[in-house]
Amino acid sequence: MQHDVALSRHGISLVPLSPAHAGALFDFVDAGMWSGMAAGQPLSAGELAELFASRIADPAVMPFAVVEQRTGALLGSTSFTDYEPRQQRVEIGGTFYGRPFWGSHVNPAAKQLLLSYAFDVLAVHRVAFRCDARNTRSASAIRRLGATYEGTLRGHRFAPDGSRCDTDVYSILRDEWPPLRDALLARLEPFEQPLPVGQPASLPPAPLSGPWLVAG
């Protein structure tokens, strides 16, 4: 969906995703980094722009570009998906970063922003994560957040290469979040940047519409 939510902390910002971001982000795309993604690998910046446009058009997806806060350089992309306000649940997925940022603080910083928004603004009870069971790098990053492994959906979907793959499912519940949040913030403390007086660490979200409307 189109939205105006922007979040910043620890040297990164999450800004609304645009097809215009595809040109720079396509430079990061290769078969190895894209393996494990649900969507097929884009073979051109135009195909990546089409993928971004489809995410923006999907009312159940809130997609973001991840940028370096100081320079605005593009680092990757991530999304909220499958938001069910009546059931108080949402999923974080559709995430990829350029190889230079693998193993850096970028992913945990982005997850901290998304998880805080999910629990504090969307007021969900459950945040889920899913990954291809063969994608050990993604699974390790999810576990480091403190998410609980719930099980494996066997033969869950076709991978982009046509093979049938299993999907691992993880989640964080509302009452689990405070200690996990504190541990994550401690992990990110070296990247905390002092802000000028009057500048918020996180931009206030714009009013949302449709399924993303937050009840006051």
N, C-alpha and C. Protein backbone atom coordinates (compact mmCIF):
# COMPACT_ATOMS: atom_id res chain seq x y z
N MET A 1 0.83 -1.19 0.00
CA MET A 1 0.00 0.00 0.00
C MET A 1 0.87 1.25 0.00
N GLN A 2 0.34 2.33 -0.52
CA GLN A 2 1.02 3.61 -0.41
C GLN A 2 0.85 4.13 1.01
N HIS A 3 1.90 4.69 1.57
CA HIS A 3 1.83 5.19 2.94
C HIS A 3 2.85 6.29 3.11
N ASP A 4 2.79 6.97 4.25
CA ASP A 4 3.71 8.07 4.55
C ASP A 4 4.46 7.84 5.85
N VAL A 5 4.57 6.59 6.28
CA VAL A 5 5.26 6.27 7.52
C VAL A 5 6.77 6.29 7.27
N ALA A 6 7.48 7.03 8.11
CA ALA A 6 8.95 7.08 8.04
C ALA A 6 9.49 6.94 9.46
N LEU A 7 10.48 6.10 9.64
CA LEU A 7 11.05 5.79 10.96
C LEU A 7 12.56 5.89 10.89
N SER A 8 13.17 6.44 11.93
CA SER A 8 14.64 6.61 11.92
C SER A 8 15.22 6.37 13.30
N ARG A 9 16.35 5.69 13.32
CA ARG A 9 17.15 5.53 14.54
C ARG A 9 18.38 4.71 14.20
N HIS A 10 19.40 4.84 15.01
CA HIS A 10 20.63 4.05 14.87
C HIS A 10 21.26 4.19 13.49
N GLY A 11 21.15 5.38 12.92
CA GLY A 11 21.85 5.67 11.68
C GLY A 11 21.16 5.22 10.41
N ILE A 12 19.95 4.64 10.54
CA ILE A 12 19.21 4.25 9.34
C ILE A 12 17.81 4.85 9.38
N SER A 13 17.18 4.91 8.22
CA SER A 13 15.79 5.35 8.12
C SER A 13 15.02 4.35 7.27
N LEU A 14 13.78 4.14 7.64
CA LEU A 14 12.84 3.40 6.81
C LEU A 14 11.89 4.41 6.19
N VAL A 15 11.85 4.45 4.87
CA VAL A 15 11.01 5.41 4.16
C VAL A 15 10.11 4.65 3.20
N PRO A 16 8.99 5.25 2.80
CA PRO A 16 8.09 4.54 1.88
C PRO A 16 8.81 4.08 0.62
N LEU A 17 8.62 2.83 0.27
CA LEU A 17 9.25 2.27 -0.93
C LEU A 17 8.63 2.87 -2.18
N SER A 18 9.45 3.09 -3.19
CA SER A 18 9.00 3.61 -4.48
C SER A 18 9.65 2.80 -5.60
N PRO A 19 8.96 2.63 -6.73
CA PRO A 19 9.62 2.00 -7.88
C PRO A 19 10.90 2.72 -8.29
N ALA A 20 10.99 4.01 -7.96
CA ALA A 20 12.19 4.77 -8.30
C ALA A 20 13.42 4.28 -7.55
N HIS A 21 13.23 3.54 -6.46
CA HIS A 21 14.36 2.99 -5.71
C HIS A 21 14.99 1.80 -6.42
N ALA A 22 14.30 1.25 -7.41
CA ALA A 22 14.76 0.00 -8.03
C ALA A 22 16.10 0.14 -8.72
N GLY A 23 16.36 1.29 -9.34
CA GLY A 23 17.61 1.46 -10.08
C GLY A 23 18.82 1.24 -9.21
N ALA A 24 18.84 1.86 -8.03
CA ALA A 24 19.99 1.72 -7.13
C ALA A 24 20.00 0.35 -6.45
N LEU A 25 18.83 -0.15 -6.03
CA LEU A 25 18.80 -1.41 -5.31
C LEU A 25 19.09 -2.60 -6.22
N PHE A 26 18.81 -2.47 -7.51
CA PHE A 26 19.09 -3.59 -8.42
C PHE A 26 20.58 -3.90 -8.48
N ASP A 27 21.42 -2.92 -8.21
CA ASP A 27 22.86 -3.15 -8.21
C ASP A 27 23.27 -4.21 -7.18
N PHE A 28 22.43 -4.42 -6.15
CA PHE A 28 22.74 -5.39 -5.11
C PHE A 28 22.28 -6.80 -5.46
N VAL A 29 21.42 -6.93 -6.46
CA VAL A 29 20.75 -8.21 -6.73
C VAL A 29 21.67 -9.18 -7.45
N ASP A 30 21.80 -10.38 -6.89
CA ASP A 30 22.45 -11.49 -7.58
C ASP A 30 21.78 -12.78 -7.11
N ALA A 31 22.09 -13.87 -7.76
CA ALA A 31 21.39 -15.13 -7.47
C ALA A 31 21.59 -15.56 -6.02
N GLY A 32 22.79 -15.38 -5.49
CA GLY A 32 23.07 -15.81 -4.13
C GLY A 32 22.31 -15.01 -3.10
N MET A 33 22.30 -13.69 -3.25
CA MET A 33 21.63 -12.86 -2.24
C MET A 33 20.11 -12.99 -2.36
N TRP A 34 19.61 -13.36 -3.54
CA TRP A 34 18.16 -13.44 -3.73
C TRP A 34 17.61 -14.82 -3.37
N SER A 35 18.47 -15.80 -3.20
CA SER A 35 17.99 -17.14 -2.90
C SER A 35 17.23 -17.13 -1.58
N GLY A 36 16.12 -17.82 -1.54
CA GLY A 36 15.29 -17.83 -0.35
C GLY A 36 14.16 -16.84 -0.40
N MET A 37 14.19 -15.90 -1.35
CA MET A 37 13.09 -14.95 -1.49
C MET A 37 11.90 -15.66 -2.13
N ALA A 38 10.69 -15.24 -1.78
CA ALA A 38 9.49 -15.85 -2.35
C ALA A 38 9.30 -15.46 -3.81
N ALA A 39 9.62 -14.22 -4.14
CA ALA A 39 9.46 -13.73 -5.52
C ALA A 39 10.65 -14.17 -6.36
N GLY A 40 10.41 -14.33 -7.65
CA GLY A 40 11.50 -14.68 -8.55
C GLY A 40 12.52 -13.56 -8.64
N GLN A 41 13.76 -13.93 -8.94
CA GLN A 41 14.82 -12.92 -9.02
C GLN A 41 14.58 -11.98 -10.20
N PRO A 42 14.53 -10.67 -9.95
CA PRO A 42 14.41 -9.73 -11.06
C PRO A 42 15.69 -9.70 -11.88
N LEU A 43 15.54 -9.66 -13.18
CA LEU A 43 16.70 -9.69 -14.08
C LEU A 43 17.06 -8.31 -14.62
N SER A 44 16.31 -7.30 -14.21
CA SER A 44 16.60 -5.93 -14.62
C SER A 44 16.03 -4.98 -13.59
N ALA A 45 16.49 -3.73 -13.63
CA ALA A 45 15.93 -2.73 -12.73
C ALA A 45 14.44 -2.54 -13.00
N GLY A 46 14.04 -2.69 -14.25
CA GLY A 46 12.63 -2.57 -14.59
C GLY A 46 11.79 -3.65 -13.93
N GLU A 47 12.30 -4.89 -13.91
CA GLU A 47 11.56 -5.97 -13.25
C GLU A 47 11.49 -5.74 -11.74
N LEU A 48 12.57 -5.21 -11.15
CA LEU A 48 12.53 -4.91 -9.73
C LEU A 48 11.53 -3.80 -9.45
N ALA A 49 11.47 -2.79 -10.32
CA ALA A 49 10.49 -1.71 -10.17
C ALA A 49 9.07 -2.27 -10.23
N GLU A 50 8.83 -3.25 -11.10
CA GLU A 50 7.52 -3.87 -11.18
C GLU A 50 7.19 -4.63 -9.90
N LEU A 51 8.18 -5.30 -9.32
CA LEU A 51 7.97 -5.99 -8.05
C LEU A 51 7.62 -4.99 -6.96
N PHE A 52 8.35 -3.88 -6.91
CA PHE A 52 8.06 -2.85 -5.91
C PHE A 52 6.65 -2.29 -6.12
N ALA A 53 6.28 -2.05 -7.37
CA ALA A 53 4.95 -1.51 -7.66
C ALA A 53 3.86 -2.47 -7.20
N SER A 54 4.09 -3.78 -7.35
CA SER A 54 3.09 -4.75 -6.90
C SER A 54 2.96 -4.75 -5.39
N ARG A 55 4.07 -4.55 -4.68
CA ARG A 55 4.00 -4.48 -3.22
C ARG A 55 3.27 -3.23 -2.78
N ILE A 56 3.53 -2.12 -3.46
CA ILE A 56 2.85 -0.87 -3.12
C ILE A 56 1.35 -0.98 -3.38
N ALA A 57 0.97 -1.71 -4.42
CA ALA A 57 -0.45 -1.85 -4.77
C ALA A 57 -1.19 -2.82 -3.86
N ASP A 58 -0.47 -3.64 -3.12
CA ASP A 58 -1.09 -4.65 -2.26
C ASP A 58 -1.53 -4.01 -0.95
N PRO A 59 -2.83 -3.98 -0.63
CA PRO A 59 -3.29 -3.32 0.60
C PRO A 59 -2.82 -4.01 1.88
N ALA A 60 -2.34 -5.25 1.78
CA ALA A 60 -1.88 -5.98 2.96
C ALA A 60 -0.38 -5.84 3.19
N VAL A 61 0.29 -5.01 2.38
CA VAL A 61 1.74 -4.84 2.48
C VAL A 61 2.06 -3.37 2.70
N MET A 62 2.94 -3.09 3.66
CA MET A 62 3.47 -1.74 3.88
C MET A 62 4.98 -1.81 3.63
N PRO A 63 5.44 -1.47 2.42
CA PRO A 63 6.84 -1.66 2.07
C PRO A 63 7.70 -0.42 2.34
N PHE A 64 8.95 -0.67 2.69
CA PHE A 64 9.90 0.39 3.00
C PHE A 64 11.19 0.19 2.21
N ALA A 65 11.84 1.29 1.90
CA ALA A 65 13.25 1.28 1.53
C ALA A 65 14.05 1.57 2.78
N VAL A 66 15.19 0.91 2.93
CA VAL A 66 16.09 1.15 4.06
C VAL A 66 17.24 2.01 3.55
N VAL A 67 17.44 3.16 4.20
CA VAL A 67 18.46 4.10 3.72
C VAL A 67 19.38 4.50 4.86
N GLU A 68 20.58 4.89 4.50
CA GLU A 68 21.53 5.44 5.46
C GLU A 68 21.05 6.83 5.84
N GLN A 69 20.89 7.05 7.15
CA GLN A 69 20.23 8.26 7.62
C GLN A 69 20.98 9.53 7.23
N ARG A 70 22.28 9.51 7.28
CA ARG A 70 23.07 10.72 7.04
C ARG A 70 23.16 11.07 5.57
N THR A 71 23.36 10.06 4.72
CA THR A 71 23.59 10.32 3.30
C THR A 71 22.40 10.03 2.41
N GLY A 72 21.45 9.23 2.91
CA GLY A 72 20.33 8.82 2.08
C GLY A 72 20.64 7.68 1.13
N ALA A 73 21.84 7.08 1.26
CA ALA A 73 22.20 5.96 0.39
C ALA A 73 21.29 4.77 0.65
N LEU A 74 20.86 4.10 -0.41
CA LEU A 74 19.97 2.96 -0.28
C LEU A 74 20.73 1.72 0.17
N LEU A 75 20.17 1.00 1.14
CA LEU A 75 20.80 -0.18 1.72
C LEU A 75 20.03 -1.45 1.42
N GLY A 76 18.71 -1.35 1.25
CA GLY A 76 17.89 -2.54 1.04
C GLY A 76 16.42 -2.20 1.13
N SER A 77 15.61 -3.22 1.40
CA SER A 77 14.16 -3.06 1.49
C SER A 77 13.59 -4.05 2.49
N THR A 78 12.47 -3.69 3.11
CA THR A 78 11.77 -4.57 4.03
C THR A 78 10.31 -4.17 4.07
N SER A 79 9.46 -5.01 4.64
CA SER A 79 8.01 -4.74 4.60
C SER A 79 7.29 -5.32 5.81
N PHE A 80 6.17 -4.70 6.15
CA PHE A 80 5.12 -5.36 6.91
C PHE A 80 4.22 -6.07 5.91
N THR A 81 3.78 -7.28 6.24
CA THR A 81 2.86 -8.01 5.37
C THR A 81 1.79 -8.69 6.22
N ASP A 82 0.72 -9.09 5.56
CA ASP A 82 -0.33 -9.92 6.19
C ASP A 82 -0.83 -9.34 7.50
N TYR A 83 -1.11 -8.04 7.50
CA TYR A 83 -1.63 -7.40 8.70
C TYR A 83 -3.10 -7.78 8.89
N GLU A 84 -3.42 -8.30 10.07
CA GLU A 84 -4.79 -8.66 10.43
C GLU A 84 -5.15 -7.91 11.70
N PRO A 85 -5.71 -6.69 11.58
CA PRO A 85 -5.96 -5.89 12.78
C PRO A 85 -6.92 -6.54 13.76
N ARG A 86 -7.94 -7.23 13.27
CA ARG A 86 -8.89 -7.86 14.19
C ARG A 86 -8.24 -8.98 14.98
N GLN A 87 -7.27 -9.64 14.38
CA GLN A 87 -6.55 -10.70 15.07
C GLN A 87 -5.28 -10.19 15.74
N GLN A 88 -4.99 -8.91 15.57
CA GLN A 88 -3.82 -8.25 16.19
C GLN A 88 -2.52 -8.96 15.84
N ARG A 89 -2.32 -9.17 14.54
CA ARG A 89 -1.09 -9.82 14.12
C ARG A 89 -0.60 -9.21 12.81
N VAL A 90 0.71 -9.30 12.61
CA VAL A 90 1.35 -8.81 11.39
C VAL A 90 2.61 -9.63 11.17
N GLU A 91 3.13 -9.59 9.96
CA GLU A 91 4.36 -10.30 9.63
C GLU A 91 5.38 -9.32 9.09
N ILE A 92 6.64 -9.59 9.32
CA ILE A 92 7.74 -8.82 8.73
C ILE A 92 8.42 -9.71 7.70
N GLY A 93 8.56 -9.21 6.48
CA GLY A 93 9.16 -10.03 5.43
C GLY A 93 9.55 -9.20 4.22
N GLY A 94 9.80 -9.89 3.12
CA GLY A 94 10.21 -9.20 1.90
C GLY A 94 11.49 -8.42 2.08
N THR A 95 12.39 -8.93 2.91
CA THR A 95 13.60 -8.19 3.30
C THR A 95 14.80 -8.62 2.48
N PHE A 96 15.54 -7.64 1.99
CA PHE A 96 16.85 -7.92 1.40
C PHE A 96 17.74 -6.70 1.55
N TYR A 97 19.04 -6.97 1.67
CA TYR A 97 20.05 -5.92 1.79
C TYR A 97 21.20 -6.23 0.84
N GLY A 98 21.92 -5.18 0.46
CA GLY A 98 23.12 -5.38 -0.32
C GLY A 98 24.17 -6.14 0.47
N ARG A 99 24.95 -6.93 -0.22
CA ARG A 99 25.97 -7.73 0.46
C ARG A 99 26.89 -6.92 1.37
N PRO A 100 27.26 -5.66 1.01
CA PRO A 100 28.15 -4.91 1.90
C PRO A 100 27.58 -4.70 3.30
N PHE A 101 26.25 -4.88 3.46
CA PHE A 101 25.62 -4.60 4.75
C PHE A 101 25.23 -5.87 5.50
N TRP A 102 25.52 -7.03 4.93
CA TRP A 102 25.27 -8.28 5.63
C TRP A 102 26.16 -8.34 6.88
N GLY A 103 25.59 -8.78 7.98
CA GLY A 103 26.35 -8.91 9.21
C GLY A 103 26.59 -7.59 9.92
N SER A 104 26.06 -6.49 9.38
CA SER A 104 26.21 -5.19 10.02
C SER A 104 25.03 -4.95 10.96
N HIS A 105 24.94 -3.73 11.49
CA HIS A 105 23.83 -3.41 12.39
C HIS A 105 22.56 -3.05 11.63
N VAL A 106 22.61 -3.01 10.29
CA VAL A 106 21.48 -2.49 9.52
C VAL A 106 20.21 -3.31 9.73
N ASN A 107 20.30 -4.64 9.60
CA ASN A 107 19.10 -5.45 9.76
C ASN A 107 18.53 -5.38 11.17
N PRO A 108 19.32 -5.57 12.23
CA PRO A 108 18.72 -5.45 13.56
C PRO A 108 18.15 -4.06 13.84
N ALA A 109 18.78 -3.01 13.30
CA ALA A 109 18.25 -1.66 13.50
C ALA A 109 16.90 -1.51 12.80
N ALA A 110 16.79 -2.04 11.59
CA ALA A 110 15.51 -1.98 10.88
C ALA A 110 14.44 -2.79 11.61
N LYS A 111 14.82 -3.97 12.12
CA LYS A 111 13.85 -4.79 12.84
C LYS A 111 13.40 -4.10 14.13
N GLN A 112 14.31 -3.40 14.81
CA GLN A 112 13.92 -2.67 16.02
C GLN A 112 12.86 -1.62 15.70
N LEU A 113 13.04 -0.90 14.60
CA LEU A 113 12.06 0.11 14.20
C LEU A 113 10.72 -0.54 13.86
N LEU A 114 10.75 -1.62 13.10
CA LEU A 114 9.51 -2.28 12.71
C LEU A 114 8.79 -2.91 13.89
N LEU A 115 9.53 -3.59 14.75
CA LEU A 115 8.91 -4.23 15.90
C LEU A 115 8.32 -3.20 16.85
N SER A 116 9.02 -2.10 17.08
CA SER A 116 8.48 -1.05 17.95
C SER A 116 7.21 -0.46 17.35
N TYR A 117 7.20 -0.25 16.05
CA TYR A 117 6.00 0.29 15.40
C TYR A 117 4.85 -0.71 15.49
N ALA A 118 5.16 -1.98 15.29
CA ALA A 118 4.11 -3.01 15.32
C ALA A 118 3.45 -3.09 16.69
N PHE A 119 4.26 -3.13 17.74
CA PHE A 119 3.70 -3.29 19.08
C PHE A 119 3.17 -1.98 19.66
N ASP A 120 3.83 -0.86 19.38
CA ASP A 120 3.45 0.40 20.00
C ASP A 120 2.39 1.17 19.23
N VAL A 121 2.39 1.07 17.91
CA VAL A 121 1.46 1.85 17.09
C VAL A 121 0.34 0.97 16.53
N LEU A 122 0.69 -0.12 15.89
CA LEU A 122 -0.33 -1.03 15.38
C LEU A 122 -0.99 -1.83 16.50
N ALA A 123 -0.33 -1.89 17.65
CA ALA A 123 -0.87 -2.56 18.84
C ALA A 123 -1.20 -4.03 18.58
N VAL A 124 -0.30 -4.70 17.87
CA VAL A 124 -0.53 -6.12 17.59
C VAL A 124 -0.13 -6.96 18.80
N HIS A 125 -0.62 -8.19 18.82
CA HIS A 125 -0.22 -9.15 19.85
C HIS A 125 0.91 -10.04 19.36
N ARG A 126 1.02 -10.20 18.04
CA ARG A 126 1.97 -11.16 17.49
C ARG A 126 2.62 -10.59 16.23
N VAL A 127 3.94 -10.71 16.16
CA VAL A 127 4.69 -10.39 14.94
C VAL A 127 5.36 -11.68 14.48
N ALA A 128 5.12 -12.06 13.24
CA ALA A 128 5.65 -13.32 12.71
C ALA A 128 6.75 -13.06 11.69
N PHE A 129 7.59 -14.05 11.53
CA PHE A 129 8.65 -14.06 10.52
C PHE A 129 8.63 -15.43 9.86
N ARG A 130 8.86 -15.46 8.56
CA ARG A 130 8.97 -16.74 7.86
C ARG A 130 10.20 -16.70 6.96
N CYS A 131 10.81 -17.84 6.77
CA CYS A 131 11.94 -17.90 5.84
C CYS A 131 12.03 -19.31 5.26
N ASP A 132 12.60 -19.39 4.08
CA ASP A 132 12.91 -20.68 3.47
C ASP A 132 13.79 -21.46 4.45
N ALA A 133 13.41 -22.70 4.72
CA ALA A 133 14.15 -23.50 5.71
C ALA A 133 15.60 -23.70 5.32
N ARG A 134 15.92 -23.52 4.04
CA ARG A 134 17.31 -23.66 3.59
C ARG A 134 18.10 -22.38 3.78
N ASN A 135 17.42 -21.29 4.10
CA ASN A 135 18.08 -19.99 4.21
C ASN A 135 18.59 -19.81 5.64
N THR A 136 19.70 -20.45 5.94
CA THR A 136 20.22 -20.44 7.31
C THR A 136 20.66 -19.05 7.75
N ARG A 137 21.07 -18.22 6.81
CA ARG A 137 21.49 -16.86 7.17
C ARG A 137 20.31 -16.06 7.71
N SER A 138 19.17 -16.12 7.02
CA SER A 138 17.98 -15.41 7.49
C SER A 138 17.48 -15.99 8.80
N ALA A 139 17.48 -17.32 8.90
CA ALA A 139 17.01 -17.95 10.14
C ALA A 139 17.85 -17.53 11.32
N SER A 140 19.16 -17.46 11.14
CA SER A 140 20.04 -17.04 12.22
C SER A 140 19.75 -15.60 12.64
N ALA A 141 19.52 -14.72 11.67
CA ALA A 141 19.22 -13.32 12.00
C ALA A 141 17.91 -13.21 12.77
N ILE A 142 16.92 -14.01 12.40
CA ILE A 142 15.64 -13.99 13.11
C ILE A 142 15.81 -14.50 14.54
N ARG A 143 16.55 -15.57 14.71
CA ARG A 143 16.76 -16.12 16.06
C ARG A 143 17.51 -15.13 16.94
N ARG A 144 18.44 -14.38 16.36
CA ARG A 144 19.19 -13.41 17.16
C ARG A 144 18.30 -12.30 17.69
N LEU A 145 17.16 -12.07 17.07
CA LEU A 145 16.20 -11.10 17.60
C LEU A 145 15.51 -11.63 18.85
N GLY A 146 15.59 -12.92 19.08
CA GLY A 146 14.89 -13.55 20.20
C GLY A 146 13.57 -14.16 19.81
N ALA A 147 13.27 -14.21 18.51
CA ALA A 147 12.01 -14.80 18.06
C ALA A 147 11.98 -16.29 18.35
N THR A 148 10.81 -16.79 18.65
CA THR A 148 10.61 -18.20 18.97
C THR A 148 10.32 -19.00 17.70
N TYR A 149 11.05 -20.09 17.52
CA TYR A 149 10.79 -21.00 16.40
C TYR A 149 9.52 -21.78 16.68
N GLU A 150 8.56 -21.73 15.77
CA GLU A 150 7.27 -22.38 15.99
C GLU A 150 7.12 -23.69 15.22
N GLY A 151 7.92 -23.87 14.21
CA GLY A 151 7.82 -25.10 13.44
C GLY A 151 8.10 -24.87 11.97
N THR A 152 8.00 -25.93 11.21
CA THR A 152 8.28 -25.89 9.77
C THR A 152 7.04 -26.31 9.00
N LEU A 153 6.65 -25.49 8.04
CA LEU A 153 5.58 -25.83 7.11
C LEU A 153 6.20 -26.63 5.97
N ARG A 154 5.97 -27.92 5.97
CA ARG A 154 6.64 -28.80 5.02
C ARG A 154 6.00 -28.68 3.63
N GLY A 155 6.86 -28.63 2.61
CA GLY A 155 6.36 -28.51 1.25
C GLY A 155 5.45 -27.32 1.06
N HIS A 156 5.77 -26.22 1.71
CA HIS A 156 4.85 -25.09 1.83
C HIS A 156 4.63 -24.34 0.53
N ARG A 157 5.67 -24.18 -0.27
CA ARG A 157 5.51 -23.38 -1.49
C ARG A 157 6.60 -23.77 -2.50
N PHE A 158 6.40 -23.27 -3.71
CA PHE A 158 7.44 -23.40 -4.72
C PHE A 158 8.44 -22.27 -4.56
N ALA A 159 9.72 -22.59 -4.61
CA ALA A 159 10.77 -21.57 -4.65
C ALA A 159 10.86 -21.02 -6.07
N PRO A 160 11.49 -19.84 -6.23
CA PRO A 160 11.61 -19.27 -7.58
C PRO A 160 12.27 -20.20 -8.60
N ASP A 161 13.14 -21.12 -8.11
CA ASP A 161 13.80 -22.04 -9.05
C ASP A 161 12.93 -23.24 -9.42
N GLY A 162 11.70 -23.27 -8.90
CA GLY A 162 10.78 -24.34 -9.22
C GLY A 162 10.77 -25.49 -8.23
N SER A 163 11.74 -25.51 -7.31
CA SER A 163 11.78 -26.58 -6.31
C SER A 163 10.72 -26.33 -5.24
N ARG A 164 10.28 -27.39 -4.60
CA ARG A 164 9.34 -27.28 -3.50
C ARG A 164 10.14 -27.08 -2.22
N CYS A 165 9.80 -26.05 -1.44
CA CYS A 165 10.60 -25.76 -0.25
C CYS A 165 9.75 -25.76 1.01
N ASP A 166 10.41 -26.01 2.13
CA ASP A 166 9.81 -25.89 3.45
C ASP A 166 9.97 -24.45 3.95
N THR A 167 9.07 -24.03 4.83
CA THR A 167 9.12 -22.68 5.39
C THR A 167 9.19 -22.76 6.90
N ASP A 168 10.20 -22.15 7.50
CA ASP A 168 10.31 -22.05 8.95
C ASP A 168 9.53 -20.84 9.44
N VAL A 169 8.83 -21.00 10.55
CA VAL A 169 7.98 -19.94 11.11
C VAL A 169 8.49 -19.56 12.50
N TYR A 170 8.60 -18.26 12.73
CA TYR A 170 9.03 -17.70 14.02
C TYR A 170 8.05 -16.61 14.43
N SER A 171 8.04 -16.27 15.72
CA SER A 171 7.20 -15.16 16.16
C SER A 171 7.73 -14.54 17.44
N ILE A 172 7.29 -13.31 17.66
CA ILE A 172 7.48 -12.61 18.93
C ILE A 172 6.10 -12.14 19.38
N LEU A 173 5.74 -12.43 20.63
CA LEU A 173 4.47 -12.00 21.19
C LEU A 173 4.66 -10.74 22.02
N ARG A 174 3.55 -10.03 22.23
CA ARG A 174 3.62 -8.73 22.91
C ARG A 174 4.31 -8.82 24.26
N ASP A 175 3.98 -9.82 25.08
CA ASP A 175 4.57 -9.89 26.42
C ASP A 175 6.03 -10.32 26.38
N GLU A 176 6.49 -10.83 25.24
CA GLU A 176 7.90 -11.20 25.09
C GLU A 176 8.75 -10.03 24.63
N TRP A 177 8.10 -9.01 24.08
CA TRP A 177 8.84 -7.93 23.43
C TRP A 177 9.66 -7.06 24.38
N PRO A 178 9.18 -6.64 25.56
CA PRO A 178 9.98 -5.71 26.37
C PRO A 178 11.40 -6.18 26.66
N PRO A 179 11.63 -7.40 27.16
CA PRO A 179 13.03 -7.80 27.38
C PRO A 179 13.81 -7.97 26.09
N LEU A 180 13.15 -8.43 25.03
CA LEU A 180 13.83 -8.56 23.74
C LEU A 180 14.18 -7.18 23.19
N ARG A 181 13.27 -6.22 23.37
CA ARG A 181 13.55 -4.84 22.95
C ARG A 181 14.75 -4.29 23.67
N ASP A 182 14.81 -4.49 24.99
CA ASP A 182 15.92 -3.96 25.77
C ASP A 182 17.24 -4.59 25.32
N ALA A 183 17.23 -5.89 25.06
CA ALA A 183 18.45 -6.56 24.60
C ALA A 183 18.86 -6.06 23.22
N LEU A 184 17.89 -5.82 22.36
CA LEU A 184 18.18 -5.32 21.01
C LEU A 184 18.73 -3.90 21.06
N LEU A 185 18.14 -3.07 21.91
CA LEU A 185 18.63 -1.70 22.04
C LEU A 185 20.05 -1.67 22.61
N ALA A 186 20.34 -2.58 23.55
CA ALA A 186 21.70 -2.65 24.09
C ALA A 186 22.68 -3.07 23.00
N ARG A 187 22.26 -3.99 22.16
CA ARG A 187 23.09 -4.44 21.04
C ARG A 187 23.35 -3.30 20.05
N LEU A 188 22.38 -2.41 19.90
CA LEU A 188 22.49 -1.31 18.93
C LEU A 188 23.05 -0.03 19.53
N GLU A 189 23.30 -0.03 20.84
CA GLU A 189 23.75 1.20 21.51
C GLU A 189 24.98 1.83 20.86
N PRO A 190 25.97 1.06 20.38
CA PRO A 190 27.13 1.70 19.75
C PRO A 190 26.78 2.52 18.51
N PHE A 191 25.59 2.29 17.95
CA PHE A 191 25.20 2.99 16.73
C PHE A 191 24.20 4.10 16.99
N GLU A 192 23.91 4.34 18.25
CA GLU A 192 23.00 5.44 18.60
C GLU A 192 23.69 6.75 18.26
N GLN A 193 22.98 7.63 17.58
CA GLN A 193 23.55 8.90 17.16
C GLN A 193 22.81 10.03 17.86
N PRO A 194 23.55 10.94 18.51
CA PRO A 194 22.88 12.09 19.11
C PRO A 194 22.24 12.94 18.03
N LEU A 195 21.00 13.38 18.29
CA LEU A 195 20.27 14.17 17.32
C LEU A 195 20.23 15.64 17.75
N PRO A 196 20.14 16.56 16.80
CA PRO A 196 20.00 17.97 17.15
C PRO A 196 18.76 18.19 18.00
N VAL A 197 18.82 19.20 18.84
CA VAL A 197 17.69 19.52 19.71
C VAL A 197 16.44 19.73 18.85
N GLY A 198 15.35 19.09 19.25
CA GLY A 198 14.10 19.26 18.54
C GLY A 198 13.86 18.26 17.43
N GLN A 199 14.86 17.45 17.07
CA GLN A 199 14.68 16.46 16.00
C GLN A 199 14.31 15.12 16.62
N PRO A 200 13.15 14.55 16.25
CA PRO A 200 12.72 13.29 16.85
C PRO A 200 13.53 12.12 16.32
N ALA A 201 13.70 11.10 17.16
CA ALA A 201 14.39 9.89 16.72
C ALA A 201 13.54 9.09 15.74
N SER A 202 12.23 9.25 15.82
CA SER A 202 11.33 8.54 14.92
C SER A 202 10.26 9.50 14.46
N LEU A 203 10.09 9.63 13.16
CA LEU A 203 9.11 10.56 12.63
C LEU A 203 7.71 10.06 12.95
N PRO A 204 6.78 10.95 13.30
CA PRO A 204 5.42 10.51 13.61
C PRO A 204 4.75 9.94 12.38
N PRO A 205 4.03 8.82 12.54
CA PRO A 205 3.38 8.22 11.38
C PRO A 205 2.20 9.05 10.91
N ALA A 206 2.00 9.07 9.60
CA ALA A 206 0.84 9.74 9.04
C ALA A 206 -0.40 8.88 9.27
N PRO A 207 -1.59 9.48 9.21
CA PRO A 207 -2.81 8.68 9.34
C PRO A 207 -2.85 7.60 8.26
N LEU A 208 -3.33 6.43 8.63
CA LEU A 208 -3.41 5.30 7.71
C LEU A 208 -4.85 5.07 7.30
N SER A 209 -5.02 4.34 6.22
CA SER A 209 -6.36 4.04 5.74
C SER A 209 -6.50 2.54 5.56
N GLY A 210 -7.73 2.11 5.35
CA GLY A 210 -7.98 0.70 5.08
C GLY A 210 -7.61 -0.16 6.27
N PRO A 211 -7.05 -1.37 6.00
CA PRO A 211 -6.77 -2.30 7.10
C PRO A 211 -5.68 -1.81 8.03
N TRP A 212 -4.92 -0.77 7.60
CA TRP A 212 -3.83 -0.27 8.43
C TRP A 212 -4.30 0.84 9.37
N LEU A 213 -5.57 1.21 9.32
CA LEU A 213 -6.08 2.27 10.18
C LEU A 213 -5.97 1.83 11.63
N VAL A 214 -5.34 2.65 12.44
CA VAL A 214 -5.15 2.34 13.85
C VAL A 214 -6.26 2.97 14.66
N ALA A 215 -6.98 2.17 15.40
CA ALA A 215 -8.06 2.71 16.21
C ALA A 215 -7.51 3.55 17.33
N GLY A 216 -8.08 4.71 17.53
CA GLY A 216 -7.63 5.56 18.61
C GLY A 216 -8.31 5.15 19.84
